[in-house]
Structure formats: structure tokens, C-alpha cells
Amino acid sequence: MNISEAVAERILELCKQNNITVNKLSTISGVTQSTVNDIVNHKAKNIGIITIKKLCDGFDLTITDFFDNDIFRSLEQELY
């Protein structure tokens, strides 16, 4: 799993935990629906930290809490 896939998985996990849709997350975070859809559908490869921060704000979650998850602990180094 790469970092963009891990971010997508974490967002979907948090949506499920908070009982909200991706569309609702888009509305409360101020990130366009197309951007959120691109992230969760693995179309976005370089997700900006500002976008992740806005999504975290939508979840009422810190960036530290967002990344403090086993999904990110098991990532291997990406070489391009």
C-alpha cells in the first residue's frame, strides 16, 4: 500500500466511524467533492498536506491523530 492509498483508507475509516458520507465530509471540511472523491477512489496521487488538514478539521481531528494509525505504521518506503 502506498501513502495515497493509506490516506484514502483512513478517510473512509473515519467516515464510517463518524457515520458520515464522503459528500458530507466534503461539505463540512470545505474540500471540493471532486477532490475528496479523487482521493478515496485512488485517482489523486499527491495529496497536499493542506487538503489533509482541512479534512482533519472536518473530522474535528488533529493531523497527529489522523496519522497515528496502524495504516501508516506499516507503509514501506516509496521509491520513484
PDB file of N, CA and C in Angstrom:
ATOM      1  N   MET A   1       0.850  -1.172   0.000  1.00  0.00           N
ATOM      2  CA  MET A   1       0.000   0.000   0.000  1.00  0.00           C
ATOM      3  C   MET A   1       0.901   1.242   0.000  1.00  0.00           C
ATOM      4  N   ASN A   2       0.556   2.209  -0.833  1.00  0.00           N
ATOM      5  CA  ASN A   2       1.326   3.448  -0.844  1.00  0.00           C
ATOM      6  C   ASN A   2       0.614   4.506   0.012  1.00  0.00           C
ATOM      7  N   ILE A   3       1.235   5.653   0.154  1.00  0.00           N
ATOM      8  CA  ILE A   3       0.715   6.687   1.052  1.00  0.00           C
ATOM      9  C   ILE A   3      -0.653   7.213   0.610  1.00  0.00           C
ATOM     10  N   SER A   4      -0.866   7.401  -0.683  1.00  0.00           N
ATOM     11  CA  SER A   4      -2.166   7.922  -1.129  1.00  0.00           C
ATOM     12  C   SER A   4      -3.267   6.896  -0.884  1.00  0.00           C
ATOM     13  N   GLU A   5      -2.958   5.618  -1.039  1.00  0.00           N
ATOM     14  CA  GLU A   5      -3.942   4.579  -0.734  1.00  0.00           C
ATOM     15  C   GLU A   5      -4.229   4.531   0.767  1.00  0.00           C
ATOM     16  N   ALA A   6      -3.189   4.726   1.582  1.00  0.00           N
ATOM     17  CA  ALA A   6      -3.364   4.737   3.029  1.00  0.00           C
ATOM     18  C   ALA A   6      -4.226   5.918   3.471  1.00  0.00           C
ATOM     19  N   VAL A   7      -3.999   7.088   2.876  1.00  0.00           N
ATOM     20  CA  VAL A   7      -4.819   8.260   3.204  1.00  0.00           C
ATOM     21  C   VAL A   7      -6.273   7.994   2.835  1.00  0.00           C
ATOM     22  N   ALA A   8      -6.498   7.426   1.664  1.00  0.00           N
ATOM     23  CA  ALA A   8      -7.866   7.115   1.234  1.00  0.00           C
ATOM     24  C   ALA A   8      -8.530   6.142   2.206  1.00  0.00           C
ATOM     25  N   GLU A   9      -7.797   5.106   2.592  1.00  0.00           N
ATOM     26  CA  GLU A   9      -8.349   4.115   3.517  1.00  0.00           C
ATOM     27  C   GLU A   9      -8.682   4.756   4.866  1.00  0.00           C
ATOM     28  N   ARG A  10      -7.793   5.625   5.337  1.00  0.00           N
ATOM     29  CA  ARG A  10      -8.021   6.298   6.626  1.00  0.00           C
ATOM     30  C   ARG A  10      -9.235   7.208   6.557  1.00  0.00           C
ATOM     31  N   ILE A  11      -9.405   7.930   5.470  1.00  0.00           N
ATOM     32  CA  ILE A  11     -10.568   8.808   5.314  1.00  0.00           C
ATOM     33  C   ILE A  11     -11.852   7.989   5.327  1.00  0.00           C
ATOM     34  N   LEU A  12     -11.870   6.897   4.596  1.00  0.00           N
ATOM     35  CA  LEU A  12     -13.072   6.051   4.576  1.00  0.00           C
ATOM     36  C   LEU A  12     -13.354   5.448   5.950  1.00  0.00           C
ATOM     37  N   GLU A  13     -12.299   5.068   6.659  1.00  0.00           N
ATOM     38  CA  GLU A  13     -12.446   4.536   8.009  1.00  0.00           C
ATOM     39  C   GLU A  13     -13.065   5.585   8.940  1.00  0.00           C
ATOM     40  N   LEU A  14     -12.567   6.822   8.838  1.00  0.00           N
ATOM     41  CA  LEU A  14     -13.079   7.891   9.691  1.00  0.00           C
ATOM     42  C   LEU A  14     -14.510   8.276   9.330  1.00  0.00           C
ATOM     43  N   CYS A  15     -14.841   8.240   8.046  1.00  0.00           N
ATOM     44  CA  CYS A  15     -16.226   8.498   7.632  1.00  0.00           C
ATOM     45  C   CYS A  15     -17.154   7.466   8.259  1.00  0.00           C
ATOM     46  N   LYS A  16     -16.735   6.224   8.224  1.00  0.00           N
ATOM     47  CA  LYS A  16     -17.546   5.153   8.797  1.00  0.00           C
ATOM     48  C   LYS A  16     -17.683   5.335  10.311  1.00  0.00           C
ATOM     49  N   GLN A  17     -16.573   5.642  10.988  1.00  0.00           N
ATOM     50  CA  GLN A  17     -16.603   5.839  12.439  1.00  0.00           C
ATOM     51  C   GLN A  17     -17.498   7.005  12.839  1.00  0.00           C
ATOM     52  N   ASN A  18     -17.493   8.050  12.007  1.00  0.00           N
ATOM     53  CA  ASN A  18     -18.277   9.255  12.307  1.00  0.00           C
ATOM     54  C   ASN A  18     -19.665   9.224  11.683  1.00  0.00           C
ATOM     55  N   ASN A  19     -19.960   8.114  10.999  1.00  0.00           N
ATOM     56  CA  ASN A  19     -21.268   7.931  10.361  1.00  0.00           C
ATOM     57  C   ASN A  19     -21.617   9.093   9.420  1.00  0.00           C
ATOM     58  N   ILE A  20     -20.635   9.448   8.578  1.00  0.00           N
ATOM     59  CA  ILE A  20     -20.868  10.484   7.575  1.00  0.00           C
ATOM     60  C   ILE A  20     -20.446   9.961   6.210  1.00  0.00           C
ATOM     61  N   THR A  21     -21.019  10.547   5.183  1.00  0.00           N
ATOM     62  CA  THR A  21     -20.655  10.182   3.815  1.00  0.00           C
ATOM     63  C   THR A  21     -19.457  11.025   3.368  1.00  0.00           C
ATOM     64  N   VAL A  22     -18.851  10.593   2.288  1.00  0.00           N
ATOM     65  CA  VAL A  22     -17.768  11.370   1.695  1.00  0.00           C
ATOM     66  C   VAL A  22     -18.287  12.741   1.271  1.00  0.00           C
ATOM     67  N   ASN A  23     -19.513  12.785   0.772  1.00  0.00           N
ATOM     68  CA  ASN A  23     -20.121  14.052   0.374  1.00  0.00           C
ATOM     69  C   ASN A  23     -20.267  14.979   1.585  1.00  0.00           C
ATOM     70  N   LYS A  24     -20.709  14.452   2.701  1.00  0.00           N
ATOM     71  CA  LYS A  24     -20.857  15.260   3.917  1.00  0.00           C
ATOM     72  C   LYS A  24     -19.498  15.748   4.386  1.00  0.00           C
ATOM     73  N   LEU A  25     -18.480  14.892   4.320  1.00  0.00           N
ATOM     74  CA  LEU A  25     -17.127  15.305   4.686  1.00  0.00           C
ATOM     75  C   LEU A  25     -16.680  16.473   3.824  1.00  0.00           C
ATOM     76  N   SER A  26     -16.965  16.397   2.545  1.00  0.00           N
ATOM     77  CA  SER A  26     -16.627  17.478   1.628  1.00  0.00           C
ATOM     78  C   SER A  26     -17.264  18.795   2.081  1.00  0.00           C
ATOM     79  N   THR A  27     -18.527  18.730   2.424  1.00  0.00           N
ATOM     80  CA  THR A  27     -19.258  19.930   2.846  1.00  0.00           C
ATOM     81  C   THR A  27     -18.684  20.522   4.129  1.00  0.00           C
ATOM     82  N   ILE A  28     -18.451  19.683   5.135  1.00  0.00           N
ATOM     83  CA  ILE A  28     -18.006  20.213   6.432  1.00  0.00           C
ATOM     84  C   ILE A  28     -16.529  20.593   6.453  1.00  0.00           C
ATOM     85  N   SER A  29     -15.757  20.060   5.518  1.00  0.00           N
ATOM     86  CA  SER A  29     -14.325  20.357   5.508  1.00  0.00           C
ATOM     87  C   SER A  29     -13.964  21.493   4.545  1.00  0.00           C
ATOM     88  N   GLY A  30     -14.857  21.791   3.614  1.00  0.00           N
ATOM     89  CA  GLY A  30     -14.558  22.833   2.638  1.00  0.00           C
ATOM     90  C   GLY A  30     -13.671  22.359   1.499  1.00  0.00           C
ATOM     91  N   VAL A  31     -13.535  21.056   1.347  1.00  0.00           N
ATOM     92  CA  VAL A  31     -12.769  20.477   0.236  1.00  0.00           C
ATOM     93  C   VAL A  31     -13.783  20.047  -0.814  1.00  0.00           C
ATOM     94  N   THR A  32     -13.510  20.360  -2.070  1.00  0.00           N
ATOM     95  CA  THR A  32     -14.489  20.043  -3.107  1.00  0.00           C
ATOM     96  C   THR A  32     -14.782  18.549  -3.148  1.00  0.00           C
ATOM     97  N   GLN A  33     -16.003  18.239  -3.515  1.00  0.00           N
ATOM     98  CA  GLN A  33     -16.420  16.842  -3.592  1.00  0.00           C
ATOM     99  C   GLN A  33     -15.568  16.080  -4.591  1.00  0.00           C
ATOM    100  N   SER A  34     -15.217  16.716  -5.696  1.00  0.00           N
ATOM    101  CA  SER A  34     -14.394  16.020  -6.695  1.00  0.00           C
ATOM    102  C   SER A  34     -13.019  15.673  -6.141  1.00  0.00           C
ATOM    103  N   THR A  35     -12.454  16.558  -5.327  1.00  0.00           N
ATOM    104  CA  THR A  35     -11.149  16.281  -4.726  1.00  0.00           C
ATOM    105  C   THR A  35     -11.239  15.112  -3.755  1.00  0.00           C
ATOM    106  N   VAL A  36     -12.251  15.125  -2.887  1.00  0.00           N
ATOM    107  CA  VAL A  36     -12.414  14.037  -1.928  1.00  0.00           C
ATOM    108  C   VAL A  36     -12.670  12.724  -2.672  1.00  0.00           C
ATOM    109  N   ASN A  37     -13.502  12.770  -3.698  1.00  0.00           N
ATOM    110  CA  ASN A  37     -13.761  11.563  -4.492  1.00  0.00           C
ATOM    111  C   ASN A  37     -12.488  11.053  -5.161  1.00  0.00           C
ATOM    112  N   ASP A  38     -11.682  11.963  -5.707  1.00  0.00           N
ATOM    113  CA  ASP A  38     -10.419  11.552  -6.331  1.00  0.00           C
ATOM    114  C   ASP A  38      -9.498  10.879  -5.311  1.00  0.00           C
ATOM    115  N   ILE A  39      -9.481  11.398  -4.082  1.00  0.00           N
ATOM    116  CA  ILE A  39      -8.641  10.808  -3.040  1.00  0.00           C
ATOM    117  C   ILE A  39      -9.119   9.404  -2.711  1.00  0.00           C
ATOM    118  N   VAL A  40     -10.399   9.248  -2.407  1.00  0.00           N
ATOM    119  CA  VAL A  40     -10.898   7.941  -1.961  1.00  0.00           C
ATOM    120  C   VAL A  40     -10.979   6.927  -3.097  1.00  0.00           C
ATOM    121  N   ASN A  41     -11.010   7.398  -4.335  1.00  0.00           N
ATOM    122  CA  ASN A  41     -11.023   6.493  -5.490  1.00  0.00           C
ATOM    123  C   ASN A  41      -9.632   6.269  -6.080  1.00  0.00           C
ATOM    124  N   HIS A  42      -8.609   6.689  -5.343  1.00  0.00           N
ATOM    125  CA  HIS A  42      -7.205   6.478  -5.710  1.00  0.00           C
ATOM    126  C   HIS A  42      -6.816   7.154  -7.023  1.00  0.00           C
ATOM    127  N   LYS A  43      -7.478   8.239  -7.346  1.00  0.00           N
ATOM    128  CA  LYS A  43      -7.107   8.991  -8.552  1.00  0.00           C
ATOM    129  C   LYS A  43      -6.120  10.103  -8.230  1.00  0.00           C
ATOM    130  N   ALA A  44      -6.111  10.559  -6.969  1.00  0.00           N
ATOM    131  CA  ALA A  44      -5.175  11.602  -6.533  1.00  0.00           C
ATOM    132  C   ALA A  44      -3.920  10.925  -6.024  1.00  0.00           C
ATOM    133  N   LYS A  45      -2.792  11.250  -6.592  1.00  0.00           N
ATOM    134  CA  LYS A  45      -1.538  10.610  -6.204  1.00  0.00           C
ATOM    135  C   LYS A  45      -0.714  11.477  -5.259  1.00  0.00           C
ATOM    136  N   ASN A  46      -0.851  12.780  -5.336  1.00  0.00           N
ATOM    137  CA  ASN A  46      -0.089  13.698  -4.489  1.00  0.00           C
ATOM    138  C   ASN A  46      -1.058  14.575  -3.705  1.00  0.00           C
ATOM    139  N   ILE A  47      -1.498  14.052  -2.592  1.00  0.00           N
ATOM    140  CA  ILE A  47      -2.479  14.756  -1.773  1.00  0.00           C
ATOM    141  C   ILE A  47      -1.734  15.754  -0.900  1.00  0.00           C
ATOM    142  N   GLY A  48      -2.098  17.015  -1.012  1.00  0.00           N
ATOM    143  CA  GLY A  48      -1.418  18.062  -0.263  1.00  0.00           C
ATOM    144  C   GLY A  48      -1.760  18.030   1.218  1.00  0.00           C
ATOM    145  N   ILE A  49      -0.800  18.455   2.014  1.00  0.00           N
ATOM    146  CA  ILE A  49      -0.999  18.472   3.462  1.00  0.00           C
ATOM    147  C   ILE A  49      -2.086  19.465   3.855  1.00  0.00           C
ATOM    148  N   ILE A  50      -2.261  20.523   3.093  1.00  0.00           N
ATOM    149  CA  ILE A  50      -3.327  21.487   3.385  1.00  0.00           C
ATOM    150  C   ILE A  50      -4.686  20.820   3.201  1.00  0.00           C
ATOM    151  N   THR A  51      -4.827  20.022   2.169  1.00  0.00           N
ATOM    152  CA  THR A  51      -6.071  19.282   1.942  1.00  0.00           C
ATOM    153  C   THR A  51      -6.322  18.305   3.082  1.00  0.00           C
ATOM    154  N   ILE A  52      -5.286  17.589   3.488  1.00  0.00           N
ATOM    155  CA  ILE A  52      -5.449  16.651   4.602  1.00  0.00           C
ATOM    156  C   ILE A  52      -5.827  17.398   5.875  1.00  0.00           C
ATOM    157  N   LYS A  53      -5.226  18.555   6.113  1.00  0.00           N
ATOM    158  CA  LYS A  53      -5.560  19.361   7.298  1.00  0.00           C
ATOM    159  C   LYS A  53      -7.021  19.781   7.266  1.00  0.00           C
ATOM    160  N   LYS A  54      -7.512  20.208   6.125  1.00  0.00           N
ATOM    161  CA  LYS A  54      -8.925  20.597   6.006  1.00  0.00           C
ATOM    162  C   LYS A  54      -9.840  19.409   6.291  1.00  0.00           C
ATOM    163  N   LEU A  55      -9.481  18.243   5.772  1.00  0.00           N
ATOM    164  CA  LEU A  55     -10.278  17.040   6.028  1.00  0.00           C
ATOM    165  C   LEU A  55     -10.247  16.694   7.515  1.00  0.00           C
ATOM    166  N   CYS A  56      -9.086  16.826   8.140  1.00  0.00           N
ATOM    167  CA  CYS A  56      -8.982  16.592   9.581  1.00  0.00           C
ATOM    168  C   CYS A  56      -9.880  17.551  10.347  1.00  0.00           C
ATOM    169  N   ASP A  57      -9.901  18.803   9.932  1.00  0.00           N
ATOM    170  CA  ASP A  57     -10.784  19.785  10.569  1.00  0.00           C
ATOM    171  C   ASP A  57     -12.239  19.348  10.443  1.00  0.00           C
ATOM    172  N   GLY A  58     -12.598  18.797   9.294  1.00  0.00           N
ATOM    173  CA  GLY A  58     -13.951  18.296   9.090  1.00  0.00           C
ATOM    174  C   GLY A  58     -14.293  17.155  10.032  1.00  0.00           C
ATOM    175  N   PHE A  59     -13.294  16.362  10.372  1.00  0.00           N
ATOM    176  CA  PHE A  59     -13.491  15.264  11.319  1.00  0.00           C
ATOM    177  C   PHE A  59     -13.311  15.721  12.767  1.00  0.00           C
ATOM    178  N   ASP A  60     -12.923  16.988  12.956  1.00  0.00           N
ATOM    179  CA  ASP A  60     -12.582  17.513  14.285  1.00  0.00           C
ATOM    180  C   ASP A  60     -11.462  16.669  14.893  1.00  0.00           C
ATOM    181  N   LEU A  61     -10.404  16.520  14.093  1.00  0.00           N
ATOM    182  CA  LEU A  61      -9.297  15.638  14.412  1.00  0.00           C
ATOM    183  C   LEU A  61      -7.996  16.367  14.103  1.00  0.00           C
ATOM    184  N   THR A  62      -6.976  16.140  14.903  1.00  0.00           N
ATOM    185  CA  THR A  62      -5.677  16.743  14.598  1.00  0.00           C
ATOM    186  C   THR A  62      -4.969  15.919  13.520  1.00  0.00           C
ATOM    187  N   ILE A  63      -4.028  16.541  12.874  1.00  0.00           N
ATOM    188  CA  ILE A  63      -3.233  15.816  11.882  1.00  0.00           C
ATOM    189  C   ILE A  63      -2.480  14.672  12.564  1.00  0.00           C
ATOM    190  N   THR A  64      -1.988  14.921  13.761  1.00  0.00           N
ATOM    191  CA  THR A  64      -1.282  13.879  14.507  1.00  0.00           C
ATOM    192  C   THR A  64      -2.190  12.676  14.709  1.00  0.00           C
ATOM    193  N   ASP A  65      -3.437  12.919  15.113  1.00  0.00           N
ATOM    194  CA  ASP A  65      -4.380  11.815  15.317  1.00  0.00           C
ATOM    195  C   ASP A  65      -4.714  11.112  14.002  1.00  0.00           C
ATOM    196  N   PHE A  66      -4.775  11.872  12.923  1.00  0.00           N
ATOM    197  CA  PHE A  66      -5.065  11.277  11.621  1.00  0.00           C
ATOM    198  C   PHE A  66      -3.992  10.245  11.256  1.00  0.00           C
ATOM    199  N   PHE A  67      -2.735  10.635  11.415  1.00  0.00           N
ATOM    200  CA  PHE A  67      -1.633   9.757  11.006  1.00  0.00           C
ATOM    201  C   PHE A  67      -1.224   8.740  12.073  1.00  0.00           C
ATOM    202  N   ASP A  68      -1.707   8.911  13.300  1.00  0.00           N
ATOM    203  CA  ASP A  68      -1.381   7.978  14.384  1.00  0.00           C
ATOM    204  C   ASP A  68      -2.288   6.762  14.281  1.00  0.00           C
ATOM    205  N   ASN A  69      -1.993   5.921  13.297  1.00  0.00           N
ATOM    206  CA  ASN A  69      -2.848   4.784  12.974  1.00  0.00           C
ATOM    207  C   ASN A  69      -1.991   3.689  12.354  1.00  0.00           C
ATOM    208  N   ASP A  70      -2.379   2.440  12.590  1.00  0.00           N
ATOM    209  CA  ASP A  70      -1.614   1.309  12.059  1.00  0.00           C
ATOM    210  C   ASP A  70      -1.494   1.333  10.537  1.00  0.00           C
ATOM    211  N   ILE A  71      -2.457   1.947   9.866  1.00  0.00           N
ATOM    212  CA  ILE A  71      -2.403   2.039   8.399  1.00  0.00           C
ATOM    213  C   ILE A  71      -1.080   2.668   7.963  1.00  0.00           C
ATOM    214  N   PHE A  72      -0.637   3.691   8.686  1.00  0.00           N
ATOM    215  CA  PHE A  72       0.570   4.421   8.304  1.00  0.00           C
ATOM    216  C   PHE A  72       1.841   3.800   8.886  1.00  0.00           C
ATOM    217  N   ARG A  73       1.721   3.050   9.948  1.00  0.00           N
ATOM    218  CA  ARG A  73       2.900   2.425  10.563  1.00  0.00           C
ATOM    219  C   ARG A  73       3.481   1.312   9.703  1.00  0.00           C
ATOM    220  N   SER A  74       2.667   0.725   8.873  1.00  0.00           N
ATOM    221  CA  SER A  74       3.126  -0.418   8.080  1.00  0.00           C
ATOM    222  C   SER A  74       3.532  -0.056   6.650  1.00  0.00           C
ATOM    223  N   LEU A  75       3.564   1.228   6.333  1.00  0.00           N
ATOM    224  CA  LEU A  75       3.948   1.645   4.981  1.00  0.00           C
ATOM    225  C   LEU A  75       5.430   1.393   4.734  1.00  0.00           C
ATOM    226  N   GLU A  76       5.708   0.952   3.537  1.00  0.00           N
ATOM    227  CA  GLU A  76       7.108   0.794   3.140  1.00  0.00           C
ATOM    228  C   GLU A  76       7.561   2.055   2.427  1.00  0.00           C
ATOM    229  N   GLN A  77       8.862   2.223   2.359  1.00  0.00           N
ATOM    230  CA  GLN A  77       9.426   3.382   1.675  1.00  0.00           C
ATOM    231  C   GLN A  77       9.043   3.331   0.206  1.00  0.00           C
ATOM    232  N   GLU A  78       8.622   4.481  -0.311  1.00  0.00           N
ATOM    233  CA  GLU A  78       8.264   4.556  -1.733  1.00  0.00           C
ATOM    234  C   GLU A  78       9.455   5.119  -2.502  1.00  0.00           C
ATOM    235  N   LEU A  79       9.855   4.405  -3.510  1.00  0.00           N
ATOM    236  CA  LEU A  79      10.945   4.847  -4.368  1.00  0.00           C
ATOM    237  C   LEU A  79      10.396   5.135  -5.749  1.00  0.00           C
ATOM    238  N   TYR A  80      10.691   6.317  -6.256  1.00  0.00           N
ATOM    239  CA  TYR A  80      10.183   6.689  -7.575  1.00  0.00           C
ATOM    240  C   TYR A  80      11.319   6.870  -8.538  1.00  0.00           C
TER     241      TYR A  80
END
